[in-house]
PDB file of N, CA and C in Angstrom:
ATOM      1  N   MET A   1      -6.370  -7.266  43.980  1.00  0.00           N
ATOM      2  CA  MET A   1      -5.316  -7.976  43.289  1.00  0.00           C
ATOM      3  C   MET A   1      -5.039  -7.261  41.965  1.00  0.00           C
ATOM      4  N   THR A   2      -3.799  -7.036  41.642  1.00  0.00           N
ATOM      5  CA  THR A   2      -3.424  -6.326  40.430  1.00  0.00           C
ATOM      6  C   THR A   2      -3.040  -7.318  39.334  1.00  0.00           C
ATOM      7  N   ALA A   3      -3.162  -6.846  38.102  1.00  0.00           N
ATOM      8  CA  ALA A   3      -2.781  -7.683  36.956  1.00  0.00           C
ATOM      9  C   ALA A   3      -1.267  -7.859  36.949  1.00  0.00           C
ATOM     10  N   PRO A   4      -0.798  -9.019  36.513  1.00  0.00           N
ATOM     11  CA  PRO A   4       0.645  -9.245  36.468  1.00  0.00           C
ATOM     12  C   PRO A   4       1.314  -8.315  35.461  1.00  0.00           C
ATOM     13  N   GLN A   5       2.479  -7.850  35.808  1.00  0.00           N
ATOM     14  CA  GLN A   5       3.257  -6.973  34.945  1.00  0.00           C
ATOM     15  C   GLN A   5       3.947  -7.801  33.861  1.00  0.00           C
ATOM     16  N   SER A   6       3.898  -7.319  32.643  1.00  0.00           N
ATOM     17  CA  SER A   6       4.581  -7.982  31.538  1.00  0.00           C
ATOM     18  C   SER A   6       6.068  -7.663  31.624  1.00  0.00           C
ATOM     19  N   ALA A   7       6.892  -8.653  31.327  1.00  0.00           N
ATOM     20  CA  ALA A   7       8.340  -8.466  31.362  1.00  0.00           C
ATOM     21  C   ALA A   7       8.802  -7.544  30.237  1.00  0.00           C
ATOM     22  N   GLU A   8       8.084  -7.571  29.111  1.00  0.00           N
ATOM     23  CA  GLU A   8       8.472  -6.760  27.970  1.00  0.00           C
ATOM     24  C   GLU A   8       7.374  -5.733  27.683  1.00  0.00           C
ATOM     25  N   PRO A   9       7.759  -4.505  27.337  1.00  0.00           N
ATOM     26  CA  PRO A   9       6.749  -3.500  27.005  1.00  0.00           C
ATOM     27  C   PRO A   9       6.102  -3.826  25.651  1.00  0.00           C
ATOM     28  N   PHE A  10       4.961  -3.193  25.384  1.00  0.00           N
ATOM     29  CA  PHE A  10       4.318  -3.373  24.089  1.00  0.00           C
ATOM     30  C   PHE A  10       5.230  -2.872  22.991  1.00  0.00           C
ATOM     31  N   TRP A  11       5.140  -3.514  21.829  1.00  0.00           N
ATOM     32  CA  TRP A  11       5.944  -3.099  20.677  1.00  0.00           C
ATOM     33  C   TRP A  11       5.411  -1.789  20.148  1.00  0.00           C
ATOM     34  N   THR A  12       6.265  -0.821  19.989  1.00  0.00           N
ATOM     35  CA  THR A  12       5.851   0.506  19.535  1.00  0.00           C
ATOM     36  C   THR A  12       6.343   0.822  18.133  1.00  0.00           C
ATOM     37  N   GLY A  13       6.827  -0.170  17.430  1.00  0.00           N
ATOM     38  CA  GLY A  13       7.320   0.052  16.073  1.00  0.00           C
ATOM     39  C   GLY A  13       8.789  -0.261  15.987  1.00  0.00           C
ATOM     40  N   PRO A  14       9.368  -0.067  14.825  1.00  0.00           N
ATOM     41  CA  PRO A  14      10.787  -0.378  14.655  1.00  0.00           C
ATOM     42  C   PRO A  14      11.669   0.539  15.492  1.00  0.00           C
ATOM     43  N   ALA A  15      12.832   0.034  15.838  1.00  0.00           N
ATOM     44  CA  ALA A  15      13.777   0.815  16.628  1.00  0.00           C
ATOM     45  C   ALA A  15      14.423   1.918  15.786  1.00  0.00           C
ATOM     46  N   TRP A  16      14.371   1.789  14.477  1.00  0.00           N
ATOM     47  CA  TRP A  16      14.957   2.785  13.581  1.00  0.00           C
ATOM     48  C   TRP A  16      13.854   3.645  13.010  1.00  0.00           C
ATOM     49  N   GLU A  17      14.220   4.762  12.498  1.00  0.00           N
ATOM     50  CA  GLU A  17      13.250   5.650  11.864  1.00  0.00           C
ATOM     51  C   GLU A  17      13.804   6.072  10.510  1.00  0.00           C
ATOM     52  N   ASP A  18      13.140   5.623   9.467  1.00  0.00           N
ATOM     53  CA  ASP A  18      13.495   6.018   8.106  1.00  0.00           C
ATOM     54  C   ASP A  18      12.262   6.686   7.520  1.00  0.00           C
ATOM     55  N   HIS A  19      12.304   7.984   7.451  1.00  0.00           N
ATOM     56  CA  HIS A  19      11.140   8.758   7.032  1.00  0.00           C
ATOM     57  C   HIS A  19      10.612   8.310   5.668  1.00  0.00           C
ATOM     58  N   SER A  20      11.501   8.059   4.702  1.00  0.00           N
ATOM     59  CA  SER A  20      11.044   7.689   3.362  1.00  0.00           C
ATOM     60  C   SER A  20      10.317   6.347   3.368  1.00  0.00           C
ATOM     61  N   LEU A  21      10.776   5.398   4.187  1.00  0.00           N
ATOM     62  CA  LEU A  21      10.093   4.104   4.281  1.00  0.00           C
ATOM     63  C   LEU A  21       8.744   4.245   4.977  1.00  0.00           C
ATOM     64  N   THR A  22       8.686   5.103   5.969  1.00  0.00           N
ATOM     65  CA  THR A  22       7.417   5.345   6.655  1.00  0.00           C
ATOM     66  C   THR A  22       6.400   5.964   5.699  1.00  0.00           C
ATOM     67  N   VAL A  23       6.836   6.915   4.904  1.00  0.00           N
ATOM     68  CA  VAL A  23       5.952   7.549   3.924  1.00  0.00           C
ATOM     69  C   VAL A  23       5.482   6.518   2.899  1.00  0.00           C
ATOM     70  N   LEU A  24       6.403   5.688   2.407  1.00  0.00           N
ATOM     71  CA  LEU A  24       6.053   4.655   1.434  1.00  0.00           C
ATOM     72  C   LEU A  24       5.032   3.685   2.022  1.00  0.00           C
ATOM     73  N   ALA A  25       5.238   3.268   3.248  1.00  0.00           N
ATOM     74  CA  ALA A  25       4.304   2.338   3.897  1.00  0.00           C
ATOM     75  C   ALA A  25       2.919   2.965   4.029  1.00  0.00           C
ATOM     76  N   ARG A  26       2.854   4.219   4.409  1.00  0.00           N
ATOM     77  CA  ARG A  26       1.558   4.895   4.537  1.00  0.00           C
ATOM     78  C   ARG A  26       0.872   5.043   3.188  1.00  0.00           C
ATOM     79  N   GLN A  27       1.658   5.368   2.150  1.00  0.00           N
ATOM     80  CA  GLN A  27       1.081   5.511   0.817  1.00  0.00           C
ATOM     81  C   GLN A  27       0.538   4.173   0.314  1.00  0.00           C
ATOM     82  N   LEU A  28       1.266   3.089   0.580  1.00  0.00           N
ATOM     83  CA  LEU A  28       0.785   1.765   0.183  1.00  0.00           C
ATOM     84  C   LEU A  28      -0.510   1.418   0.915  1.00  0.00           C
ATOM     85  N   ARG A  29      -0.547   1.692   2.205  1.00  0.00           N
ATOM     86  CA  ARG A  29      -1.766   1.431   2.992  1.00  0.00           C
ATOM     87  C   ARG A  29      -2.940   2.227   2.440  1.00  0.00           C
ATOM     88  N   ASP A  30      -2.712   3.509   2.155  1.00  0.00           N
ATOM     89  CA  ASP A  30      -3.773   4.359   1.629  1.00  0.00           C
ATOM     90  C   ASP A  30      -4.225   3.897   0.242  1.00  0.00           C
ATOM     91  N   ALA A  31      -3.280   3.463  -0.588  1.00  0.00           N
ATOM     92  CA  ALA A  31      -3.617   2.981  -1.927  1.00  0.00           C
ATOM     93  C   ALA A  31      -4.496   1.740  -1.840  1.00  0.00           C
ATOM     94  N   HIS A  32      -4.171   0.825  -0.940  1.00  0.00           N
ATOM     95  CA  HIS A  32      -5.012  -0.367  -0.759  1.00  0.00           C
ATOM     96  C   HIS A  32      -6.421   0.045  -0.328  1.00  0.00           C
ATOM     97  N   GLY A  33      -6.516   1.051   0.516  1.00  0.00           N
ATOM     98  CA  GLY A  33      -7.819   1.535   0.956  1.00  0.00           C
ATOM     99  C   GLY A  33      -8.617   2.165  -0.170  1.00  0.00           C
ATOM    100  N   ARG A  34      -7.950   2.801  -1.110  1.00  0.00           N
ATOM    101  CA  ARG A  34      -8.640   3.422  -2.243  1.00  0.00           C
ATOM    102  C   ARG A  34      -9.095   2.380  -3.256  1.00  0.00           C
ATOM    103  N   VAL A  35      -8.362   1.277  -3.339  1.00  0.00           N
ATOM    104  CA  VAL A  35      -8.711   0.222  -4.295  1.00  0.00           C
ATOM    105  C   VAL A  35      -9.828  -0.667  -3.752  1.00  0.00           C
ATOM    106  N   ALA A  36      -9.902  -0.821  -2.449  1.00  0.00           N
ATOM    107  CA  ALA A  36     -10.840  -1.758  -1.822  1.00  0.00           C
ATOM    108  C   ALA A  36     -12.303  -1.583  -2.260  1.00  0.00           C
ATOM    109  N   PRO A  37     -12.831  -0.371  -2.422  1.00  0.00           N
ATOM    110  CA  PRO A  37     -14.247  -0.255  -2.791  1.00  0.00           C
ATOM    111  C   PRO A  37     -14.555  -0.468  -4.279  1.00  0.00           C
ATOM    112  N   LEU A  38     -13.547  -0.675  -5.112  1.00  0.00           N
ATOM    113  CA  LEU A  38     -13.780  -0.849  -6.546  1.00  0.00           C
ATOM    114  C   LEU A  38     -14.472  -2.184  -6.822  1.00  0.00           C
ATOM    115  N   PRO A  39     -15.114  -2.298  -7.999  1.00  0.00           N
ATOM    116  CA  PRO A  39     -15.773  -3.554  -8.365  1.00  0.00           C
ATOM    117  C   PRO A  39     -14.777  -4.721  -8.444  1.00  0.00           C
ATOM    118  N   GLY A  40     -15.285  -5.931  -8.295  1.00  0.00           N
ATOM    119  CA  GLY A  40     -14.508  -7.158  -8.161  1.00  0.00           C
ATOM    120  C   GLY A  40     -13.278  -7.332  -9.032  1.00  0.00           C
ATOM    121  N   ALA A  41     -13.448  -7.416 -10.347  1.00  0.00           N
ATOM    122  CA  ALA A  41     -12.319  -7.722 -11.220  1.00  0.00           C
ATOM    123  C   ALA A  41     -11.273  -6.608 -11.205  1.00  0.00           C
ATOM    124  N   ALA A  42     -11.728  -5.372 -11.207  1.00  0.00           N
ATOM    125  CA  ALA A  42     -10.789  -4.248 -11.165  1.00  0.00           C
ATOM    126  C   ALA A  42     -10.034  -4.245  -9.844  1.00  0.00           C
ATOM    127  N   ARG A  43     -10.757  -4.456  -8.761  1.00  0.00           N
ATOM    128  CA  ARG A  43     -10.127  -4.484  -7.434  1.00  0.00           C
ATOM    129  C   ARG A  43      -9.057  -5.573  -7.359  1.00  0.00           C
ATOM    130  N   GLN A  44      -9.365  -6.753  -7.855  1.00  0.00           N
ATOM    131  CA  GLN A  44      -8.405  -7.855  -7.792  1.00  0.00           C
ATOM    132  C   GLN A  44      -7.142  -7.530  -8.580  1.00  0.00           C
ATOM    133  N   ARG A  45      -7.307  -6.989  -9.783  1.00  0.00           N
ATOM    134  CA  ARG A  45      -6.142  -6.673 -10.613  1.00  0.00           C
ATOM    135  C   ARG A  45      -5.290  -5.585  -9.965  1.00  0.00           C
ATOM    136  N   LEU A  46      -5.946  -4.554  -9.459  1.00  0.00           N
ATOM    137  CA  LEU A  46      -5.201  -3.453  -8.847  1.00  0.00           C
ATOM    138  C   LEU A  46      -4.551  -3.874  -7.535  1.00  0.00           C
ATOM    139  N   HIS A  47      -5.195  -4.732  -6.767  1.00  0.00           N
ATOM    140  CA  HIS A  47      -4.565  -5.245  -5.544  1.00  0.00           C
ATOM    141  C   HIS A  47      -3.336  -6.075  -5.878  1.00  0.00           C
ATOM    142  N   ARG A  48      -3.401  -6.874  -6.932  1.00  0.00           N
ATOM    143  CA  ARG A  48      -2.211  -7.639  -7.344  1.00  0.00           C
ATOM    144  C   ARG A  48      -1.072  -6.692  -7.711  1.00  0.00           C
ATOM    145  N   HIS A  49      -1.415  -5.615  -8.393  1.00  0.00           N
ATOM    146  CA  HIS A  49      -0.405  -4.621  -8.756  1.00  0.00           C
ATOM    147  C   HIS A  49       0.215  -4.002  -7.493  1.00  0.00           C
ATOM    148  N   LEU A  50      -0.624  -3.656  -6.532  1.00  0.00           N
ATOM    149  CA  LEU A  50      -0.118  -3.080  -5.283  1.00  0.00           C
ATOM    150  C   LEU A  50       0.731  -4.081  -4.505  1.00  0.00           C
ATOM    151  N   LEU A  51       0.353  -5.348  -4.525  1.00  0.00           N
ATOM    152  CA  LEU A  51       1.162  -6.366  -3.846  1.00  0.00           C
ATOM    153  C   LEU A  51       2.526  -6.508  -4.506  1.00  0.00           C
ATOM    154  N   ALA A  52       2.572  -6.379  -5.830  1.00  0.00           N
ATOM    155  CA  ALA A  52       3.861  -6.423  -6.529  1.00  0.00           C
ATOM    156  C   ALA A  52       4.727  -5.226  -6.121  1.00  0.00           C
ATOM    157  N   ILE A  53       4.107  -4.053  -5.997  1.00  0.00           N
ATOM    158  CA  ILE A  53       4.849  -2.861  -5.566  1.00  0.00           C
ATOM    159  C   ILE A  53       5.325  -3.042  -4.123  1.00  0.00           C
ATOM    160  N   THR A  54       4.482  -3.601  -3.272  1.00  0.00           N
ATOM    161  CA  THR A  54       4.851  -3.852  -1.877  1.00  0.00           C
ATOM    162  C   THR A  54       6.033  -4.806  -1.797  1.00  0.00           C
ATOM    163  N   ASP A  55       5.999  -5.858  -2.600  1.00  0.00           N
ATOM    164  CA  ASP A  55       7.108  -6.808  -2.616  1.00  0.00           C
ATOM    165  C   ASP A  55       8.384  -6.138  -3.110  1.00  0.00           C
ATOM    166  N   LEU A  56       8.272  -5.301  -4.134  1.00  0.00           N
ATOM    167  CA  LEU A  56       9.425  -4.573  -4.648  1.00  0.00           C
ATOM    168  C   LEU A  56      10.021  -3.661  -3.577  1.00  0.00           C
ATOM    169  N   ALA A  57       9.175  -3.094  -2.729  1.00  0.00           N
ATOM    170  CA  ALA A  57       9.646  -2.176  -1.684  1.00  0.00           C
ATOM    171  C   ALA A  57      10.622  -2.853  -0.728  1.00  0.00           C
ATOM    172  N   LYS A  58      10.537  -4.161  -0.600  1.00  0.00           N
ATOM    173  CA  LYS A  58      11.461  -4.889   0.276  1.00  0.00           C
ATOM    174  C   LYS A  58      12.876  -4.888  -0.292  1.00  0.00           C
ATOM    175  N   ARG A  59      12.994  -4.851  -1.617  1.00  0.00           N
ATOM    176  CA  ARG A  59      14.295  -4.921  -2.266  1.00  0.00           C
ATOM    177  C   ARG A  59      14.802  -3.565  -2.755  1.00  0.00           C
ATOM    178  N   ASP A  60      13.892  -2.741  -3.251  1.00  0.00           N
ATOM    179  CA  ASP A  60      14.275  -1.459  -3.843  1.00  0.00           C
ATOM    180  C   ASP A  60      13.206  -0.414  -3.531  1.00  0.00           C
ATOM    181  N   PRO A  61      13.263   0.173  -2.329  1.00  0.00           N
ATOM    182  CA  PRO A  61      12.228   1.126  -1.929  1.00  0.00           C
ATOM    183  C   PRO A  61      12.104   2.335  -2.857  1.00  0.00           C
ATOM    184  N   ALA A  62      13.201   2.803  -3.406  1.00  0.00           N
ATOM    185  CA  ALA A  62      13.142   3.978  -4.285  1.00  0.00           C
ATOM    186  C   ALA A  62      12.357   3.664  -5.558  1.00  0.00           C
ATOM    187  N   LEU A  63      12.614   2.514  -6.158  1.00  0.00           N
ATOM    188  CA  LEU A  63      11.879   2.113  -7.352  1.00  0.00           C
ATOM    189  C   LEU A  63      10.407   1.864  -7.016  1.00  0.00           C
ATOM    190  N   ALA A  64      10.151   1.241  -5.883  1.00  0.00           N
ATOM    191  CA  ALA A  64       8.768   0.999  -5.455  1.00  0.00           C
ATOM    192  C   ALA A  64       8.022   2.317  -5.274  1.00  0.00           C
ATOM    193  N   ALA A  65       8.687   3.310  -4.710  1.00  0.00           N
ATOM    194  CA  ALA A  65       8.054   4.621  -4.509  1.00  0.00           C
ATOM    195  C   ALA A  65       7.701   5.253  -5.851  1.00  0.00           C
ATOM    196  N   ARG A  66       8.593   5.142  -6.828  1.00  0.00           N
ATOM    197  CA  ARG A  66       8.312   5.689  -8.163  1.00  0.00           C
ATOM    198  C   ARG A  66       7.140   4.961  -8.818  1.00  0.00           C
ATOM    199  N   ARG A  67       7.129   3.636  -8.701  1.00  0.00           N
ATOM    200  CA  ARG A  67       6.032   2.869  -9.301  1.00  0.00           C
ATOM    201  C   ARG A  67       4.709   3.160  -8.600  1.00  0.00           C
ATOM    202  N   LEU A  68       4.753   3.318  -7.289  1.00  0.00           N
ATOM    203  CA  LEU A  68       3.530   3.646  -6.562  1.00  0.00           C
ATOM    204  C   LEU A  68       3.019   5.021  -6.962  1.00  0.00           C
ATOM    205  N   GLU A  69       3.927   5.965  -7.144  1.00  0.00           N
ATOM    206  CA  GLU A  69       3.535   7.312  -7.579  1.00  0.00           C
ATOM    207  C   GLU A  69       2.822   7.240  -8.928  1.00  0.00           C
ATOM    208  N   THR A  70       3.363   6.458  -9.859  1.00  0.00           N
ATOM    209  CA  THR A  70       2.731   6.287 -11.165  1.00  0.00           C
ATOM    210  C   THR A  70       1.373   5.610 -11.022  1.00  0.00           C
ATOM    211  N   PHE A  71       1.307   4.577 -10.189  1.00  0.00           N
ATOM    212  CA  PHE A  71       0.055   3.864  -9.944  1.00  0.00           C
ATOM    213  C   PHE A  71      -1.009   4.815  -9.410  1.00  0.00           C
ATOM    214  N   LEU A  72      -0.646   5.626  -8.413  1.00  0.00           N
ATOM    215  CA  LEU A  72      -1.599   6.551  -7.806  1.00  0.00           C
ATOM    216  C   LEU A  72      -2.042   7.624  -8.788  1.00  0.00           C
ATOM    217  N   THR A  73      -1.121   8.105  -9.611  1.00  0.00           N
ATOM    218  CA  THR A  73      -1.470   9.099 -10.631  1.00  0.00           C
ATOM    219  C   THR A  73      -2.471   8.507 -11.615  1.00  0.00           C
ATOM    220  N   ASP A  74      -2.201   7.276 -12.070  1.00  0.00           N
ATOM    221  CA  ASP A  74      -3.120   6.613 -12.991  1.00  0.00           C
ATOM    222  C   ASP A  74      -4.480   6.378 -12.339  1.00  0.00           C
ATOM    223  N   LEU A  75      -4.473   5.991 -11.086  1.00  0.00           N
ATOM    224  CA  LEU A  75      -5.723   5.753 -10.365  1.00  0.00           C
ATOM    225  C   LEU A  75      -6.511   7.054 -10.215  1.00  0.00           C
ATOM    226  N   GLU A  76      -5.803   8.124  -9.889  1.00  0.00           N
ATOM    227  CA  GLU A  76      -6.431   9.435  -9.692  1.00  0.00           C
ATOM    228  C   GLU A  76      -7.020   9.997 -10.981  1.00  0.00           C
ATOM    229  N   THR A  77      -6.271   9.891 -12.073  1.00  0.00           N
ATOM    230  CA  THR A  77      -6.692  10.493 -13.333  1.00  0.00           C
ATOM    231  C   THR A  77      -7.563   9.575 -14.170  1.00  0.00           C
ATOM    232  N   GLY A  78      -7.634   8.295 -13.782  1.00  0.00           N
ATOM    233  CA  GLY A  78      -8.424   7.351 -14.555  1.00  0.00           C
ATOM    234  C   GLY A  78      -7.696   6.838 -15.772  1.00  0.00           C
ATOM    235  N   THR A  79      -6.390   7.089 -15.870  1.00  0.00           N
ATOM    236  CA  THR A  79      -5.606   6.580 -16.984  1.00  0.00           C
ATOM    237  C   THR A  79      -5.682   5.066 -16.992  1.00  0.00           C
ATOM    238  N   ASP A  80      -5.824   4.498 -18.175  1.00  0.00           N
ATOM    239  CA  ASP A  80      -5.951   3.051 -18.353  1.00  0.00           C
ATOM    240  C   ASP A  80      -7.231   2.502 -17.735  1.00  0.00           C
ATOM    241  N   ARG A  81      -8.145   3.346 -17.382  1.00  0.00           N
ATOM    242  CA  ARG A  81      -9.387   2.875 -16.765  1.00  0.00           C
ATOM    243  C   ARG A  81     -10.120   1.924 -17.703  1.00  0.00           C
ATOM    244  N   SER A  82     -10.025   2.154 -19.011  1.00  0.00           N
ATOM    245  CA  SER A  82     -10.709   1.267 -19.952  1.00  0.00           C
ATOM    246  C   SER A  82     -10.112  -0.134 -19.919  1.00  0.00           C
ATOM    247  N   ALA A  83      -8.864  -0.260 -19.466  1.00  0.00           N
ATOM    248  CA  ALA A  83      -8.222  -1.562 -19.387  1.00  0.00           C
ATOM    249  C   ALA A  83      -8.543  -2.289 -18.092  1.00  0.00           C
ATOM    250  N   TRP A  84      -9.244  -1.610 -17.181  1.00  0.00           N
ATOM    251  CA  TRP A  84      -9.572  -2.228 -15.903  1.00  0.00           C
ATOM    252  C   TRP A  84     -10.834  -3.065 -16.077  1.00  0.00           C
ATOM    253  N   PRO A  85     -10.713  -4.373 -15.985  1.00  0.00           N
ATOM    254  CA  PRO A  85     -11.904  -5.201 -16.120  1.00  0.00           C
ATOM    255  C   PRO A  85     -12.934  -4.844 -15.043  1.00  0.00           C
ATOM    256  N   GLY A  86     -14.183  -4.852 -15.445  1.00  0.00           N
ATOM    257  CA  GLY A  86     -15.246  -4.584 -14.491  1.00  0.00           C
ATOM    258  C   GLY A  86     -15.588  -3.115 -14.368  1.00  0.00           C
ATOM    259  N   GLU A  87     -14.828  -2.259 -14.990  1.00  0.00           N
ATOM    260  CA  GLU A  87     -15.101  -0.819 -14.914  1.00  0.00           C
ATOM    261  C   GLU A  87     -16.053  -0.422 -16.015  1.00  0.00           C
ATOM    262  N   THR A  88     -16.949   0.447 -15.686  1.00  0.00           N
ATOM    263  CA  THR A  88     -17.825   1.032 -16.704  1.00  0.00           C
ATOM    264  C   THR A  88     -17.574   2.522 -16.727  1.00  0.00           C
ATOM    265  N   GLY A  89     -17.435   3.080 -17.944  1.00  0.00           N
ATOM    266  CA  GLY A  89     -17.099   4.455 -18.175  1.00  0.00           C
ATOM    267  C   GLY A  89     -17.673   5.385 -17.229  1.00  0.00           C
TER     268      GLY A  89
END
């Protein structure tokens, strides 16, 4: 006996392809992954910041991409690290 065939195929993603939105989505996913291992208070603050950027991406992807770029640069270089609660030098 064979398994019943589904009437609809599995969802393979959006029907449209917008390279810039795909790149932005991947960068946001990667940024969340980089923030996840940080200590509690810093992680919470940075995740809130990323959620704000994610929400902005729904309305203005270009501005969200610029803000994410700044966020990632600051995260990479440690800029404002002293302002991150829970961080030790």
